[in-house]
Amino acid sequence: MGNEPNPYVTAPKGASSREEKRGDGREMRELRIGTRESPLALWQADWVRQSLSDAHPQLRVSLVRIRTKGDKLIDVSLANVGGKGLFVKEIEEKLLGGRIDLAIHSMKDVPVQLPNGLHIQSIPQREDPGDVLISRDHLTLEELPRGAKIGTSSLRRRAQLLSYRPDLAIVPLRGNVDTRLRKLKTMDLNAIVLPLFWLLPG
């Protein structure tokens, strides 16, 4: 079905790393990366941090964990409480306020319109964009019974599933991988859809 799992780097326009003095008097460059606290967000941010450190050994790079409104409202549909921007507002505020130097997001969480003063700094190489169906009885999408309940938080996936199988019942589902796998049983769902990238090792 397709997803946008690769990191998306935003930064203030004209941003540059801060410079500090080392103990020996030489200058050390520092970057503070803002990220959500979810395991996937932290993995993405740490991947960028390590890539920057490998390319620029003199650069000191740190992660600043930021809890967003979207992380707090885990039991409601995003479409009903403000959409995908709920995952970036607090991070954007810290960018604009100079508390962090850049931020890492999943593209799917970023609204089309960015606030004045921010821009897309870079887009790293894309990971596998596929989705996976995880069903309770190891059934394929075609084999699921009529009226089967499938959990997903994505409006796009909902539209694609119903286009292929109009008889399906789509149930809003949010949370990290472990939470969604648990809800597959506790919410009596037939299946759930997850981005393949979430399940890849590493």
Protein backbone atom coordinates (compact mmCIF):
# COMPACT_ATOMS: atom_id res chain seq x y z
CA MET A 1 0.00 0.00 0.00
CA GLY A 2 2.93 2.29 0.53
CA ASN A 3 4.13 4.42 3.40
CA GLU A 4 6.69 7.16 4.02
CA PRO A 5 8.97 5.68 6.71
CA ASN A 6 12.16 7.58 6.00
CA PRO A 7 13.33 10.38 8.29
CA TYR A 8 12.44 13.93 7.31
CA VAL A 9 14.83 16.63 8.56
CA THR A 10 13.52 20.12 9.28
CA ALA A 11 15.54 23.10 10.52
CA PRO A 12 15.26 26.88 10.90
CA LYS A 13 16.09 28.75 7.70
CA GLY A 14 19.75 29.73 7.66
CA ALA A 15 20.46 27.39 10.57
CA SER A 16 24.01 26.42 11.41
CA SER A 17 25.52 24.46 14.26
CA ARG A 18 26.48 26.28 17.44
CA GLU A 19 30.15 26.63 18.34
CA GLU A 20 31.54 26.06 21.80
CA LYS A 21 35.04 25.99 23.32
CA ARG A 22 36.63 22.65 24.11
CA GLY A 23 38.78 22.17 27.18
CA ASP A 24 41.90 22.80 25.10
CA GLY A 25 40.49 26.06 23.78
CA ARG A 26 39.63 24.79 20.31
CA GLU A 27 36.14 25.19 18.95
CA MET A 28 33.71 22.27 18.98
CA ARG A 29 30.61 22.26 16.82
CA GLU A 30 27.38 20.99 18.38
CA LEU A 31 24.00 20.02 16.98
CA ARG A 32 20.90 19.30 19.05
CA ILE A 33 18.42 17.01 17.29
CA GLY A 34 14.80 17.14 18.39
CA THR A 35 12.82 13.90 18.25
CA ARG A 36 9.67 12.29 19.56
CA GLU A 37 10.05 9.67 22.29
CA SER A 38 8.59 6.70 20.40
CA PRO A 39 10.98 3.79 19.69
CA LEU A 40 10.71 4.37 15.92
CA ALA A 41 11.33 8.12 16.22
CA LEU A 42 14.33 7.53 18.48
CA TRP A 43 15.74 4.94 16.07
CA GLN A 44 15.42 7.36 13.16
CA ALA A 45 16.94 10.26 15.08
CA ASP A 46 19.81 8.12 16.35
CA TRP A 47 20.47 6.91 12.80
CA VAL A 48 20.81 10.53 11.67
CA ARG A 49 22.95 11.34 14.73
CA GLN A 50 25.31 8.46 14.03
CA SER A 51 25.50 9.31 10.31
CA LEU A 52 26.44 12.90 11.13
CA SER A 53 29.00 11.81 13.72
CA ASP A 54 30.58 9.35 11.29
CA ALA A 55 30.82 11.98 8.54
CA HIS A 56 32.02 14.74 10.87
CA PRO A 57 33.97 13.32 13.85
CA GLN A 58 34.54 16.82 15.24
CA LEU A 59 30.78 17.37 15.50
CA ARG A 60 29.06 16.78 18.83
CA VAL A 61 25.50 15.60 18.21
CA SER A 62 22.90 15.06 20.93
CA LEU A 63 19.26 13.98 20.97
CA VAL A 64 16.56 16.02 22.72
CA ARG A 65 13.44 13.97 23.44
CA ILE A 66 10.17 15.86 23.08
CA ARG A 67 6.72 14.54 23.96
CA THR A 68 4.05 15.83 21.59
CA LYS A 69 0.30 16.11 21.94
CA GLY A 70 -0.08 13.27 19.45
CA ASP A 71 1.91 11.01 21.78
CA LYS A 72 -0.37 11.83 24.70
CA LEU A 73 -3.69 11.31 22.86
CA ILE A 74 -3.27 7.63 22.04
CA ASP A 75 -6.90 6.49 22.22
CA VAL A 76 -8.55 8.94 19.81
CA SER A 77 -8.55 9.29 16.04
CA LEU A 78 -6.07 11.88 14.78
CA ALA A 79 -8.63 13.07 12.24
CA ASN A 80 -10.87 14.13 15.14
CA VAL A 81 -8.26 16.04 17.16
CA GLY A 82 -6.19 18.00 14.67
CA GLY A 83 -4.58 15.56 12.25
CA LYS A 84 -0.92 14.70 11.74
CA GLY A 85 0.33 18.11 12.90
CA LEU A 86 -0.17 16.92 16.49
CA PHE A 87 3.13 15.05 16.22
CA VAL A 88 5.25 18.05 15.27
CA LYS A 89 3.87 21.23 16.89
CA GLU A 90 5.90 21.07 20.13
CA ILE A 91 9.03 20.15 18.17
CA GLU A 92 8.53 23.04 15.75
CA GLU A 93 8.12 25.43 18.68
CA LYS A 94 11.48 24.33 20.10
CA LEU A 95 13.08 24.74 16.66
CA LEU A 96 11.75 28.27 16.29
CA GLY A 97 12.73 29.09 19.88
CA GLY A 98 16.32 27.93 19.39
CA ARG A 99 16.07 25.07 21.90
CA ILE A 100 17.07 22.55 19.21
CA ASP A 101 18.93 22.95 15.91
CA LEU A 102 17.07 20.45 13.72
CA ALA A 103 14.32 17.86 13.99
CA ILE A 104 13.72 14.38 12.63
CA HIS A 105 10.21 13.32 11.58
CA SER A 106 8.57 10.56 9.59
CA MET A 107 7.22 12.17 6.43
CA LYS A 108 3.76 10.81 7.17
CA ASP A 109 3.62 12.94 10.34
CA VAL A 110 4.47 16.27 8.71
CA PRO A 111 1.76 18.60 7.32
CA VAL A 112 2.24 19.94 3.81
CA GLN A 113 2.50 23.53 5.06
CA LEU A 114 5.48 24.29 7.31
CA PRO A 115 5.50 27.26 9.72
CA ASN A 116 7.25 30.45 8.62
CA GLY A 117 10.93 30.23 9.46
CA LEU A 118 11.27 26.46 9.00
CA HIS A 119 12.25 24.49 5.93
CA ILE A 120 13.12 20.96 4.81
CA GLN A 121 16.84 20.56 5.34
CA SER A 122 17.25 17.11 3.80
CA ILE A 123 15.53 13.79 3.07
CA PRO A 124 17.70 10.69 3.66
CA GLN A 125 17.48 7.61 1.47
CA ARG A 126 14.08 5.99 1.63
CA GLU A 127 13.50 2.70 3.42
CA ASP A 128 11.16 -0.02 2.13
CA PRO A 129 7.76 1.71 1.72
CA GLY A 130 5.63 -1.44 1.86
CA ASP A 131 2.93 -2.39 4.36
CA VAL A 132 2.23 -5.77 5.96
CA LEU A 133 -1.03 -7.42 6.97
CA ILE A 134 -0.85 -9.33 10.25
CA SER A 135 -3.88 -11.57 10.78
CA ARG A 136 -4.86 -13.71 13.75
CA ASP A 137 -5.41 -16.88 11.71
CA HIS A 138 -2.57 -16.37 9.19
CA LEU A 139 -5.07 -15.47 6.50
CA THR A 140 -4.30 -13.28 3.49
CA LEU A 141 -6.36 -10.18 2.73
CA GLU A 142 -8.34 -12.19 0.17
CA GLU A 143 -8.98 -15.01 2.66
CA LEU A 144 -10.34 -12.86 5.49
CA PRO A 145 -14.05 -13.52 6.14
CA ARG A 146 -16.68 -11.09 4.94
CA GLY A 147 -17.03 -8.16 7.34
CA ALA A 148 -13.62 -8.85 8.90
CA LYS A 149 -12.32 -6.14 11.25
CA ILE A 150 -8.96 -4.61 10.33
CA GLY A 151 -7.14 -2.10 12.54
CA THR A 152 -5.23 0.84 11.10
CA SER A 153 -4.68 4.49 12.02
CA SER A 154 -4.17 5.63 8.43
CA LEU A 155 -6.96 7.25 6.40
CA ARG A 156 -5.05 6.33 3.25
CA ARG A 157 -4.85 2.67 4.19
CA ARG A 158 -8.53 2.72 5.11
CA ALA A 159 -9.43 4.03 1.64
CA GLN A 160 -7.19 1.49 -0.08
CA LEU A 161 -8.54 -1.44 1.91
CA LEU A 162 -12.17 -0.48 1.30
CA SER A 163 -11.46 0.05 -2.40
CA TYR A 164 -10.20 -3.52 -2.59
CA ARG A 165 -12.66 -5.07 -0.11
CA PRO A 166 -15.71 -2.80 0.50
CA ASP A 167 -17.12 -5.35 2.96
CA LEU A 168 -14.32 -4.88 5.49
CA ALA A 169 -14.85 -3.07 8.81
CA ILE A 170 -11.97 -0.68 9.44
CA VAL A 171 -11.26 -0.02 13.13
CA PRO A 172 -9.13 2.98 14.26
CA LEU A 173 -5.89 1.70 15.79
CA ARG A 174 -2.99 3.67 17.26
CA GLY A 175 0.10 2.93 19.34
CA ASN A 176 3.56 1.45 18.85
CA VAL A 177 4.17 -2.02 17.40
CA ASP A 178 3.75 -3.90 20.70
CA THR A 179 0.56 -2.00 21.53
CA ARG A 180 -0.99 -2.69 18.13
CA LEU A 181 -0.07 -6.37 18.23
CA ARG A 182 -1.67 -6.63 21.66
CA LYS A 183 -4.82 -4.85 20.45
CA LEU A 184 -5.09 -7.38 17.63
CA LYS A 185 -6.24 -9.78 20.33
CA THR A 186 -7.80 -7.53 22.97
CA MET A 187 -9.96 -5.64 20.44
CA ASP A 188 -11.00 -8.90 18.72
CA LEU A 189 -9.64 -7.78 15.37
CA ASN A 190 -9.14 -10.14 12.43
CA ALA A 191 -6.04 -8.32 11.26
CA ILE A 192 -3.98 -5.13 11.47
CA VAL A 193 -1.87 -3.27 8.90
CA LEU A 194 1.61 -1.98 9.80
CA PRO A 195 4.41 -0.32 7.83
CA LEU A 196 6.97 -2.97 6.88
CA PHE A 197 9.73 -0.64 8.11
CA TRP A 198 8.43 -0.94 11.68
CA LEU A 199 9.17 -4.67 11.63
CA LEU A 200 12.59 -4.67 9.99
CA PRO A 201 15.54 -5.66 12.22
CA GLY A 202 18.07 -3.05 13.30
